[in-house]
Amino acid sequence: MASSSTPFHECRTYYLKSGAINGVNVNEVKNWFVNRYLYSAHEGALTEQQLNNLELAKISFSLLNDEFSFSKVLASSNEIMIHTPNGEIYYEYLSSGFKSCLSIIFGIIKEIELRFKEPCINARDFDGVILIDELELHLHPEWQGKIAKILLQVFPKAQFITSTHSPHILQGAKPAEIIALATDNGRVFRRDLSQTKYGYQGWTVEEILVDVMGMSDTRTESYYHLMSEFESAIDNDDYDRSKKAFQEIELLLHPENHLRKLLKFQLAAVKGNL
């Protein structure tokens, strides 16, 4: 029996498989947006679903920042222009975090279009699973805290599964949305986590790093070395040595750290014993 496959279908199958392994090429998503915008001006060039997906991509600018909106694509240079409170700017002038978020959104829309051709579907109606490895890559912590919520706004029916090492992403997660994995002698297992009504929305970054992500501590070796030196000098009533250690600790601590006041009291007590 002759095979029904054709070079076109074989090529497309290879592309889809390699895409599933390697993920979305972020360098292609801007070209995808420009292509869709330019073809949208020609009646019948795009399907109804492709036009809807283009509109979804356009409003994504405002979802990331409600003071920004898509303006146009310059036909002479294929440059994307954005409305901002300070006037129109080029796409390339957006912050790297803003562009990274757009690349994720555009990339997902592009892949949905590629994989669902018969029939075409609106990306917003996609109800499958989307895998993203290390969602926080190239994102400022502020964007890390926003990106998950934004993706759910753009793709409300999709299920996202993502790996992350960012406590900022975990802060916005709902209860039962986090699976913490650990290893023991090469065996991967699921760690038990405390479940609360609000997830980890009220936890600090440090608390998440230690209790959820398994860090043994969030302090540096330099901090512990200086604190050990200070405590040793205090225990031996050595004012000069404790003062020297305290001066170094002052340079090390955050300007608003309350530990500074406690150490000053200890230092003053040693001085009073002289």
C-alpha atoms as a PDB file:
ATOM      1  CA  MET A   1       0.000   0.000   0.000  1.00  0.00           C
ATOM      2  CA  ALA A   2       1.458   3.365  -0.984  1.00  0.00           C
ATOM      3  CA  SER A   3       2.246   5.837   1.749  1.00  0.00           C
ATOM      4  CA  SER A   4      -0.055   8.861   1.942  1.00  0.00           C
ATOM      5  CA  SER A   5       2.747  11.095   3.186  1.00  0.00           C
ATOM      6  CA  THR A   6       4.182  13.762   0.917  1.00  0.00           C
ATOM      7  CA  PRO A   7       7.390  15.802   1.119  1.00  0.00           C
ATOM      8  CA  PHE A   8       5.276  18.726   2.369  1.00  0.00           C
ATOM      9  CA  HIS A   9       3.686  16.685   5.167  1.00  0.00           C
ATOM     10  CA  GLU A  10       7.036  15.128   6.099  1.00  0.00           C
ATOM     11  CA  CYS A  11       8.644  18.566   6.272  1.00  0.00           C
ATOM     12  CA  ARG A  12       5.790  19.942   8.384  1.00  0.00           C
ATOM     13  CA  THR A  13       5.911  16.917  10.725  1.00  0.00           C
ATOM     14  CA  TYR A  14       9.655  17.388  11.182  1.00  0.00           C
ATOM     15  CA  TYR A  15       9.164  21.096  11.901  1.00  0.00           C
ATOM     16  CA  LEU A  16       6.464  20.396  14.487  1.00  0.00           C
ATOM     17  CA  LYS A  17       8.534  17.728  16.232  1.00  0.00           C
ATOM     18  CA  SER A  18      11.665  19.864  16.325  1.00  0.00           C
ATOM     19  CA  GLY A  19       9.577  22.788  17.588  1.00  0.00           C
ATOM     20  CA  ALA A  20       8.198  20.662  20.403  1.00  0.00           C
ATOM     21  CA  ILE A  21      11.748  19.779  21.445  1.00  0.00           C
ATOM     22  CA  ASN A  22      13.480  23.126  20.935  1.00  0.00           C
ATOM     23  CA  GLY A  23      10.589  25.455  21.771  1.00  0.00           C
ATOM     24  CA  VAL A  24       9.604  28.752  20.214  1.00  0.00           C
ATOM     25  CA  ASN A  25      12.285  30.745  18.401  1.00  0.00           C
ATOM     26  CA  VAL A  26      11.836  34.227  19.870  1.00  0.00           C
ATOM     27  CA  ASN A  27      13.732  35.765  16.950  1.00  0.00           C
ATOM     28  CA  GLU A  28      10.897  34.774  14.606  1.00  0.00           C
ATOM     29  CA  VAL A  29       7.939  36.159  16.535  1.00  0.00           C
ATOM     30  CA  LYS A  30       8.437  39.800  15.599  1.00  0.00           C
ATOM     31  CA  ASN A  31       8.559  38.807  11.926  1.00  0.00           C
ATOM     32  CA  TRP A  32       5.358  36.799  12.442  1.00  0.00           C
ATOM     33  CA  PHE A  33       3.570  39.870  13.823  1.00  0.00           C
ATOM     34  CA  VAL A  34       4.777  42.097  10.975  1.00  0.00           C
ATOM     35  CA  ASN A  35       3.765  39.474   8.400  1.00  0.00           C
ATOM     36  CA  ARG A  36       0.264  39.125   9.816  1.00  0.00           C
ATOM     37  CA  TYR A  37      -0.211  42.895  10.043  1.00  0.00           C
ATOM     38  CA  LEU A  38       0.855  43.538   6.448  1.00  0.00           C
ATOM     39  CA  TYR A  39      -1.253  40.684   5.045  1.00  0.00           C
ATOM     40  CA  SER A  40      -4.293  41.805   7.050  1.00  0.00           C
ATOM     41  CA  ALA A  41      -4.637  44.747   4.656  1.00  0.00           C
ATOM     42  CA  HIS A  42      -5.390  42.348   1.778  1.00  0.00           C
ATOM     43  CA  GLU A  43      -8.933  40.989   1.762  1.00  0.00           C
ATOM     44  CA  GLY A  44      -9.030  37.210   1.965  1.00  0.00           C
ATOM     45  CA  ALA A  45      -5.301  36.836   2.639  1.00  0.00           C
ATOM     46  CA  LEU A  46      -5.859  35.768   6.247  1.00  0.00           C
ATOM     47  CA  THR A  47      -8.512  33.560   7.784  1.00  0.00           C
ATOM     48  CA  GLU A  48     -10.983  34.915  10.311  1.00  0.00           C
ATOM     49  CA  GLN A  49      -9.061  33.152  13.070  1.00  0.00           C
ATOM     50  CA  GLN A  50      -5.737  34.630  11.945  1.00  0.00           C
ATOM     51  CA  LEU A  51      -7.274  38.105  11.988  1.00  0.00           C
ATOM     52  CA  ASN A  52      -8.613  37.469  15.495  1.00  0.00           C
ATOM     53  CA  ASN A  53      -5.190  36.262  16.606  1.00  0.00           C
ATOM     54  CA  LEU A  54      -3.602  39.407  15.208  1.00  0.00           C
ATOM     55  CA  GLU A  55      -6.023  41.513  17.253  1.00  0.00           C
ATOM     56  CA  LEU A  56      -5.142  39.463  20.335  1.00  0.00           C
ATOM     57  CA  ALA A  57      -1.462  40.155  19.687  1.00  0.00           C
ATOM     58  CA  LYS A  58      -2.179  43.876  19.280  1.00  0.00           C
ATOM     59  CA  ILE A  59      -3.982  44.224  22.615  1.00  0.00           C
ATOM     60  CA  SER A  60      -1.131  42.400  24.359  1.00  0.00           C
ATOM     61  CA  PHE A  61       0.849  45.648  24.364  1.00  0.00           C
ATOM     62  CA  SER A  62      -1.820  47.242  26.557  1.00  0.00           C
ATOM     63  CA  LEU A  63      -2.130  44.173  28.785  1.00  0.00           C
ATOM     64  CA  LEU A  64       1.535  44.567  29.673  1.00  0.00           C
ATOM     65  CA  ASN A  65       1.179  48.308  30.252  1.00  0.00           C
ATOM     66  CA  ASP A  66      -2.197  50.033  30.028  1.00  0.00           C
ATOM     67  CA  GLU A  67      -0.473  53.271  28.989  1.00  0.00           C
ATOM     68  CA  PHE A  68       0.987  51.590  25.887  1.00  0.00           C
ATOM     69  CA  SER A  69      -0.812  50.468  22.727  1.00  0.00           C
ATOM     70  CA  PHE A  70       0.055  49.216  19.267  1.00  0.00           C
ATOM     71  CA  SER A  71       0.186  51.967  16.634  1.00  0.00           C
ATOM     72  CA  LYS A  72       1.254  50.636  13.240  1.00  0.00           C
ATOM     73  CA  VAL A  73       3.932  48.901  11.190  1.00  0.00           C
ATOM     74  CA  LEU A  74       6.019  51.145   8.960  1.00  0.00           C
ATOM     75  CA  ALA A  75       5.805  49.759   5.425  1.00  0.00           C
ATOM     76  CA  SER A  76       9.164  51.281   4.508  1.00  0.00           C
ATOM     77  CA  SER A  77      11.127  49.461   7.218  1.00  0.00           C
ATOM     78  CA  ASN A  78       8.762  46.868   8.752  1.00  0.00           C
ATOM     79  CA  GLU A  79       9.312  48.535  12.119  1.00  0.00           C
ATOM     80  CA  ILE A  80       6.578  48.156  14.740  1.00  0.00           C
ATOM     81  CA  MET A  81       5.522  51.453  16.321  1.00  0.00           C
ATOM     82  CA  ILE A  82       4.060  51.786  19.823  1.00  0.00           C
ATOM     83  CA  HIS A  83       1.919  54.559  21.360  1.00  0.00           C
ATOM     84  CA  THR A  84       3.320  55.674  24.741  1.00  0.00           C
ATOM     85  CA  PRO A  85       2.607  58.649  27.041  1.00  0.00           C
ATOM     86  CA  ASN A  86       5.733  60.263  25.556  1.00  0.00           C
ATOM     87  CA  GLY A  87       4.745  59.721  21.934  1.00  0.00           C
ATOM     88  CA  GLU A  88       5.375  56.953  19.421  1.00  0.00           C
ATOM     89  CA  ILE A  89       8.458  54.785  19.850  1.00  0.00           C
ATOM     90  CA  TYR A  90      10.006  51.897  17.954  1.00  0.00           C
ATOM     91  CA  TYR A  91       9.402  48.356  19.192  1.00  0.00           C
ATOM     92  CA  GLU A  92      13.150  48.019  19.737  1.00  0.00           C
ATOM     93  CA  TYR A  93      13.069  50.885  22.251  1.00  0.00           C
ATOM     94  CA  LEU A  94      10.834  48.904  24.615  1.00  0.00           C
ATOM     95  CA  SER A  95      12.516  47.452  27.682  1.00  0.00           C
ATOM     96  CA  SER A  96      14.030  43.990  27.305  1.00  0.00           C
ATOM     97  CA  GLY A  97      11.518  42.633  29.830  1.00  0.00           C
ATOM     98  CA  PHE A  98       8.574  44.091  27.900  1.00  0.00           C
ATOM     99  CA  LYS A  99       9.852  42.575  24.662  1.00  0.00           C
ATOM    100  CA  SER A 100      10.500  39.229  26.348  1.00  0.00           C
ATOM    101  CA  CYS A 101       6.898  39.107  27.582  1.00  0.00           C
ATOM    102  CA  LEU A 102       5.619  39.992  24.105  1.00  0.00           C
ATOM    103  CA  SER A 103       7.849  37.310  22.592  1.00  0.00           C
ATOM    104  CA  ILE A 104       6.289  34.691  24.854  1.00  0.00           C
ATOM    105  CA  ILE A 105       2.745  35.785  23.954  1.00  0.00           C
ATOM    106  CA  PHE A 106       3.424  36.159  20.218  1.00  0.00           C
ATOM    107  CA  GLY A 107       5.309  32.858  20.189  1.00  0.00           C
ATOM    108  CA  ILE A 108       2.379  30.980  21.712  1.00  0.00           C
ATOM    109  CA  ILE A 109      -0.109  32.519  19.255  1.00  0.00           C
ATOM    110  CA  LYS A 110       2.214  31.704  16.351  1.00  0.00           C
ATOM    111  CA  GLU A 111       2.622  28.082  17.439  1.00  0.00           C
ATOM    112  CA  ILE A 112      -1.125  27.615  17.921  1.00  0.00           C
ATOM    113  CA  GLU A 113      -1.694  28.890  14.374  1.00  0.00           C
ATOM    114  CA  LEU A 114       0.974  26.552  13.039  1.00  0.00           C
ATOM    115  CA  ARG A 115      -0.339  23.445  14.780  1.00  0.00           C
ATOM    116  CA  PHE A 116      -4.069  23.979  14.268  1.00  0.00           C
ATOM    117  CA  LYS A 117      -4.704  24.590  10.593  1.00  0.00           C
ATOM    118  CA  GLU A 118      -7.606  22.210   9.905  1.00  0.00           C
ATOM    119  CA  PRO A 119      -9.636  23.690  11.390  1.00  0.00           C
ATOM    120  CA  CYS A 120      -8.000  26.970  12.365  1.00  0.00           C
ATOM    121  CA  ILE A 121      -8.734  28.106  15.905  1.00  0.00           C
ATOM    122  CA  ASN A 122      -8.634  31.349  17.818  1.00  0.00           C
ATOM    123  CA  ALA A 123      -5.575  31.330  20.065  1.00  0.00           C
ATOM    124  CA  ARG A 124      -7.696  32.696  22.898  1.00  0.00           C
ATOM    125  CA  ASP A 125      -9.874  29.557  22.701  1.00  0.00           C
ATOM    126  CA  PHE A 126      -6.951  27.119  22.902  1.00  0.00           C
ATOM    127  CA  ASP A 127      -7.711  24.740  25.756  1.00  0.00           C
ATOM    128  CA  GLY A 128      -4.642  22.513  25.641  1.00  0.00           C
ATOM    129  CA  VAL A 129      -1.409  22.396  27.617  1.00  0.00           C
ATOM    130  CA  ILE A 130       1.403  24.927  27.123  1.00  0.00           C
ATOM    131  CA  LEU A 131       4.869  24.017  28.427  1.00  0.00           C
ATOM    132  CA  ILE A 132       7.353  26.791  29.236  1.00  0.00           C
ATOM    133  CA  ASP A 133      10.814  26.038  30.587  1.00  0.00           C
ATOM    134  CA  GLU A 134      12.085  28.643  33.067  1.00  0.00           C
ATOM    135  CA  LEU A 135       9.418  31.273  32.515  1.00  0.00           C
ATOM    136  CA  GLU A 136      11.473  33.916  34.319  1.00  0.00           C
ATOM    137  CA  LEU A 137      14.388  33.953  31.864  1.00  0.00           C
ATOM    138  CA  HIS A 138      15.435  37.471  30.791  1.00  0.00           C
ATOM    139  CA  LEU A 139      12.701  39.043  32.946  1.00  0.00           C
ATOM    140  CA  HIS A 140      13.191  41.697  35.624  1.00  0.00           C
ATOM    141  CA  PRO A 141      11.763  40.549  39.009  1.00  0.00           C
ATOM    142  CA  GLU A 142       8.849  42.966  38.544  1.00  0.00           C
ATOM    143  CA  TRP A 143       7.899  41.237  35.281  1.00  0.00           C
ATOM    144  CA  GLN A 144       8.440  37.825  36.858  1.00  0.00           C
ATOM    145  CA  GLY A 145       5.695  38.651  39.322  1.00  0.00           C
ATOM    146  CA  LYS A 146       3.290  39.656  36.520  1.00  0.00           C
ATOM    147  CA  ILE A 147       3.902  37.269  33.633  1.00  0.00           C
ATOM    148  CA  ALA A 148       1.832  34.296  34.854  1.00  0.00           C
ATOM    149  CA  LYS A 149      -1.268  36.438  35.417  1.00  0.00           C
ATOM    150  CA  ILE A 150      -0.842  38.093  32.008  1.00  0.00           C
ATOM    151  CA  LEU A 151      -0.587  34.745  30.219  1.00  0.00           C
ATOM    152  CA  LEU A 152      -3.803  33.576  31.866  1.00  0.00           C
ATOM    153  CA  GLN A 153      -5.514  36.764  30.672  1.00  0.00           C
ATOM    154  CA  VAL A 154      -4.415  36.201  27.084  1.00  0.00           C
ATOM    155  CA  PHE A 155      -5.042  32.431  27.071  1.00  0.00           C
ATOM    156  CA  PRO A 156      -7.788  31.909  29.686  1.00  0.00           C
ATOM    157  CA  LYS A 157      -8.654  28.337  28.654  1.00  0.00           C
ATOM    158  CA  ALA A 158      -5.097  26.971  28.440  1.00  0.00           C
ATOM    159  CA  GLN A 159      -3.282  25.014  31.128  1.00  0.00           C
ATOM    160  CA  PHE A 160       0.267  26.236  31.705  1.00  0.00           C
ATOM    161  CA  ILE A 161       2.994  23.992  33.051  1.00  0.00           C
ATOM    162  CA  THR A 162       6.261  25.821  33.654  1.00  0.00           C
ATOM    163  CA  SER A 163       9.485  25.228  35.489  1.00  0.00           C
ATOM    164  CA  THR A 164      10.879  28.136  37.486  1.00  0.00           C
ATOM    165  CA  HIS A 165      13.559  29.107  39.959  1.00  0.00           C
ATOM    166  CA  SER A 166      11.914  32.458  40.658  1.00  0.00           C
ATOM    167  CA  PRO A 167      10.291  33.153  44.044  1.00  0.00           C
ATOM    168  CA  HIS A 168       8.554  36.128  42.401  1.00  0.00           C
ATOM    169  CA  ILE A 169       6.573  33.814  40.123  1.00  0.00           C
ATOM    170  CA  LEU A 170       5.660  31.570  43.055  1.00  0.00           C
ATOM    171  CA  GLN A 171       4.398  34.578  45.032  1.00  0.00           C
ATOM    172  CA  GLY A 172       1.528  34.996  42.599  1.00  0.00           C
ATOM    173  CA  ALA A 173       0.570  31.328  42.429  1.00  0.00           C
ATOM    174  CA  LYS A 174      -2.701  30.038  43.810  1.00  0.00           C
ATOM    175  CA  PRO A 175      -2.940  27.150  46.293  1.00  0.00           C
ATOM    176  CA  ALA A 176      -2.178  23.737  44.775  1.00  0.00           C
ATOM    177  CA  GLU A 177      -0.580  25.316  41.677  1.00  0.00           C
ATOM    178  CA  ILE A 178       2.980  24.647  42.839  1.00  0.00           C
ATOM    179  CA  ILE A 179       4.777  21.308  42.696  1.00  0.00           C
ATOM    180  CA  ALA A 180       8.193  21.466  44.375  1.00  0.00           C
ATOM    181  CA  LEU A 181      10.673  18.838  43.167  1.00  0.00           C
ATOM    182  CA  ALA A 182      13.851  17.724  44.917  1.00  0.00           C
ATOM    183  CA  THR A 183      16.484  15.032  44.397  1.00  0.00           C
ATOM    184  CA  ASP A 184      17.942  12.447  46.731  1.00  0.00           C
ATOM    185  CA  ASN A 185      20.737  10.184  45.466  1.00  0.00           C
ATOM    186  CA  GLY A 186      19.592  10.696  41.902  1.00  0.00           C
ATOM    187  CA  ARG A 187      15.930  10.092  42.713  1.00  0.00           C
ATOM    188  CA  VAL A 188      13.494  12.913  41.943  1.00  0.00           C
ATOM    189  CA  PHE A 189      10.612  13.265  44.358  1.00  0.00           C
ATOM    190  CA  ARG A 190       7.856  15.723  45.221  1.00  0.00           C
ATOM    191  CA  ARG A 191       8.375  17.760  48.366  1.00  0.00           C
ATOM    192  CA  ASP A 192       5.452  18.349  50.704  1.00  0.00           C
ATOM    193  CA  LEU A 193       4.446  22.005  50.940  1.00  0.00           C
ATOM    194  CA  SER A 194       2.146  23.821  53.310  1.00  0.00           C
ATOM    195  CA  GLN A 195      -1.154  24.720  51.641  1.00  0.00           C
ATOM    196  CA  THR A 196      -2.881  27.951  52.648  1.00  0.00           C
ATOM    197  CA  LYS A 197      -5.923  29.841  51.406  1.00  0.00           C
ATOM    198  CA  TYR A 198      -3.839  32.441  49.563  1.00  0.00           C
ATOM    199  CA  GLY A 199      -0.953  30.262  48.465  1.00  0.00           C
ATOM    200  CA  TYR A 200       2.280  32.231  48.873  1.00  0.00           C
ATOM    201  CA  GLN A 201       0.919  35.689  48.093  1.00  0.00           C
ATOM    202  CA  GLY A 202       1.744  36.931  51.599  1.00  0.00           C
ATOM    203  CA  TRP A 203       5.154  35.286  51.864  1.00  0.00           C
ATOM    204  CA  THR A 204       8.428  37.154  51.451  1.00  0.00           C
ATOM    205  CA  VAL A 205      10.934  36.192  48.789  1.00  0.00           C
ATOM    206  CA  GLU A 206      13.265  34.888  51.505  1.00  0.00           C
ATOM    207  CA  GLU A 207      10.544  32.692  53.024  1.00  0.00           C
ATOM    208  CA  ILE A 208       9.772  31.171  49.626  1.00  0.00           C
ATOM    209  CA  LEU A 209      13.447  30.575  48.871  1.00  0.00           C
ATOM    210  CA  VAL A 210      13.916  28.641  52.116  1.00  0.00           C
ATOM    211  CA  ASP A 211      10.581  26.885  52.738  1.00  0.00           C
ATOM    212  CA  VAL A 212       9.424  26.258  49.170  1.00  0.00           C
ATOM    213  CA  MET A 213      12.560  26.175  47.042  1.00  0.00           C
ATOM    214  CA  GLY A 214      14.692  24.435  49.641  1.00  0.00           C
ATOM    215  CA  MET A 215      17.553  26.894  50.120  1.00  0.00           C
ATOM    216  CA  SER A 216      19.355  26.206  53.378  1.00  0.00           C
ATOM    217  CA  ASP A 217      19.913  29.923  53.944  1.00  0.00           C
ATOM    218  CA  THR A 218      19.699  33.262  52.145  1.00  0.00           C
ATOM    219  CA  ARG A 219      22.728  34.855  53.827  1.00  0.00           C
ATOM    220  CA  THR A 220      26.239  34.905  52.365  1.00  0.00           C
ATOM    221  CA  GLU A 221      29.442  33.444  53.802  1.00  0.00           C
ATOM    222  CA  SER A 222      30.803  36.993  54.204  1.00  0.00           C
ATOM    223  CA  TYR A 223      27.855  37.845  56.445  1.00  0.00           C
ATOM    224  CA  TYR A 224      28.355  34.808  58.668  1.00  0.00           C
ATOM    225  CA  HIS A 225      32.102  35.354  58.872  1.00  0.00           C
ATOM    226  CA  LEU A 226      31.731  38.953  60.071  1.00  0.00           C
ATOM    227  CA  MET A 227      28.910  38.085  62.469  1.00  0.00           C
ATOM    228  CA  SER A 228      31.015  35.287  63.952  1.00  0.00           C
ATOM    229  CA  GLU A 229      33.919  37.688  64.399  1.00  0.00           C
ATOM    230  CA  PHE A 230      31.652  40.270  66.050  1.00  0.00           C
ATOM    231  CA  GLU A 231      30.039  37.756  68.425  1.00  0.00           C
ATOM    232  CA  SER A 232      33.408  36.309  69.393  1.00  0.00           C
ATOM    233  CA  ALA A 233      34.729  39.787  70.217  1.00  0.00           C
ATOM    234  CA  ILE A 234      31.574  40.605  72.224  1.00  0.00           C
ATOM    235  CA  ASP A 235      31.875  37.371  74.235  1.00  0.00           C
ATOM    236  CA  ASN A 236      35.473  38.294  75.112  1.00  0.00           C
ATOM    237  CA  ASP A 237      34.626  41.938  75.931  1.00  0.00           C
ATOM    238  CA  ASP A 238      37.080  43.002  73.223  1.00  0.00           C
ATOM    239  CA  TYR A 239      35.752  46.440  72.312  1.00  0.00           C
ATOM    240  CA  ASP A 240      38.327  47.315  69.645  1.00  0.00           C
ATOM    241  CA  ARG A 241      37.848  44.041  67.773  1.00  0.00           C
ATOM    242  CA  SER A 242      34.048  44.142  68.053  1.00  0.00           C
ATOM    243  CA  LYS A 243      34.007  47.772  66.848  1.00  0.00           C
ATOM    244  CA  LYS A 244      36.113  46.878  63.833  1.00  0.00           C
ATOM    245  CA  ALA A 245      33.807  43.953  62.986  1.00  0.00           C
ATOM    246  CA  PHE A 246      30.732  46.158  63.465  1.00  0.00           C
ATOM    247  CA  GLN A 247      32.085  48.774  61.067  1.00  0.00           C
ATOM    248  CA  GLU A 248      32.484  46.093  58.400  1.00  0.00           C
ATOM    249  CA  ILE A 249      29.000  44.718  59.093  1.00  0.00           C
ATOM    250  CA  GLU A 250      27.556  48.229  58.669  1.00  0.00           C
ATOM    251  CA  LEU A 251      29.014  48.331  55.175  1.00  0.00           C
ATOM    252  CA  LEU A 252      27.550  44.898  54.457  1.00  0.00           C
ATOM    253  CA  LEU A 253      23.967  45.338  55.697  1.00  0.00           C
ATOM    254  CA  HIS A 254      21.033  46.955  53.924  1.00  0.00           C
ATOM    255  CA  PRO A 255      20.704  50.625  55.027  1.00  0.00           C
ATOM    256  CA  GLU A 256      17.319  49.912  56.668  1.00  0.00           C
ATOM    257  CA  ASN A 257      18.270  46.608  58.321  1.00  0.00           C
ATOM    258  CA  HIS A 258      17.069  46.597  61.953  1.00  0.00           C
ATOM    259  CA  LEU A 259      19.935  44.312  62.990  1.00  0.00           C
ATOM    260  CA  ARG A 260      22.189  47.360  62.969  1.00  0.00           C
ATOM    261  CA  LYS A 261      20.452  48.800  66.068  1.00  0.00           C
ATOM    262  CA  LEU A 262      20.781  45.543  68.009  1.00  0.00           C
ATOM    263  CA  LEU A 263      24.481  45.291  67.236  1.00  0.00           C
ATOM    264  CA  LYS A 264      24.990  48.896  68.365  1.00  0.00           C
ATOM    265  CA  PHE A 265      23.426  48.052  71.736  1.00  0.00           C
ATOM    266  CA  GLN A 266      25.754  45.085  72.128  1.00  0.00           C
ATOM    267  CA  LEU A 267      28.752  47.199  71.186  1.00  0.00           C
ATOM    268  CA  ALA A 268      27.749  49.936  73.649  1.00  0.00           C
ATOM    269  CA  ALA A 269      27.384  47.342  76.423  1.00  0.00           C
ATOM    270  CA  VAL A 270      30.943  46.134  75.879  1.00  0.00           C
ATOM    271  CA  LYS A 271      32.230  49.710  75.913  1.00  0.00           C
ATOM    272  CA  GLY A 272      30.390  50.319  79.194  1.00  0.00           C
ATOM    273  CA  ASN A 273      32.127  47.355  80.786  1.00  0.00           C
ATOM    274  CA  LEU A 274      35.566  48.829  80.190  1.00  0.00           C
END
